[in-house]
Amino acid sequence: MPSPFENPALRYGIPLVSAAVVAAVAFLFLEGTIRYVALGIAALEVVVAPQILKQAAANA
């Protein structure tokens, strides 16, 4: 049975939704330096998480 993470839409969709939530929290509730840290974490998640999920699908 194929892994659901083999689908690129799912691999990129999960991190995008998660990063959008983090960015929304950063803009709505945080200020100053911590806002930029949260936005950096969101950007890092969009870049790194699809690669991790692709590797998970390959090893499944």
Protein backbone atom coordinates (compact mmCIF):
# COMPACT_ATOMS: atom_id res chain seq x y z
CA MET A 1 0.00 0.00 0.00
CA PRO A 2 1.51 3.36 -0.99
CA SER A 3 2.26 5.98 1.62
CA PRO A 4 0.02 9.06 1.67
CA PHE A 5 3.20 11.17 1.79
CA GLU A 6 4.05 10.13 -1.76
CA ASN A 7 1.43 12.65 -2.94
CA PRO A 8 3.21 16.03 -3.40
CA ALA A 9 0.04 18.00 -2.64
CA LEU A 10 -0.11 16.43 0.81
CA ARG A 11 3.64 16.77 1.36
CA TYR A 12 3.52 20.51 0.68
CA GLY A 13 0.01 21.15 1.99
CA ILE A 14 0.60 20.05 5.56
CA PRO A 15 3.56 22.39 6.16
CA LEU A 16 1.83 25.28 4.39
CA VAL A 17 -1.23 25.06 6.63
CA SER A 18 0.91 24.73 9.73
CA ALA A 19 3.12 27.66 8.72
CA ALA A 20 0.04 29.78 8.00
CA VAL A 21 -1.22 29.13 11.53
CA VAL A 22 2.14 30.07 13.04
CA ALA A 23 2.29 33.24 10.89
CA ALA A 24 -1.24 34.21 11.90
CA VAL A 25 -0.40 33.81 15.58
CA ALA A 26 2.79 35.82 15.06
CA PHE A 27 0.98 38.72 13.42
CA LEU A 28 -2.03 38.72 15.73
CA PHE A 29 -0.52 38.04 19.15
CA LEU A 30 3.24 38.59 19.09
CA GLU A 31 5.34 41.69 18.73
CA GLY A 32 8.96 42.65 18.48
CA THR A 33 11.74 40.14 18.03
CA ILE A 34 9.65 37.12 18.99
CA ARG A 35 7.35 37.85 16.02
CA TYR A 36 10.30 37.57 13.66
CA VAL A 37 11.47 34.38 15.34
CA ALA A 38 8.03 32.83 14.86
CA LEU A 39 7.95 33.92 11.21
CA GLY A 40 11.41 32.43 10.72
CA ILE A 41 10.21 29.14 12.17
CA ALA A 42 7.23 29.20 9.80
CA ALA A 43 9.49 29.85 6.81
CA LEU A 44 11.85 27.08 7.88
CA GLU A 45 8.95 24.68 8.19
CA VAL A 46 7.79 25.41 4.63
CA VAL A 47 11.28 24.61 3.32
CA VAL A 48 12.30 21.64 5.49
CA ALA A 49 9.11 19.71 6.29
CA PRO A 50 8.36 18.60 2.69
CA GLN A 51 11.86 17.13 2.43
CA ILE A 52 11.40 15.22 5.69
CA LEU A 53 7.99 13.92 4.57
CA LYS A 54 9.45 12.86 1.21
CA GLN A 55 12.15 10.92 3.01
CA ALA A 56 9.52 9.32 5.25
CA ALA A 57 7.56 8.22 2.20
CA ALA A 58 10.67 6.75 0.62
CA ASN A 59 11.49 4.75 3.76
CA ALA A 60 7.95 3.49 4.34
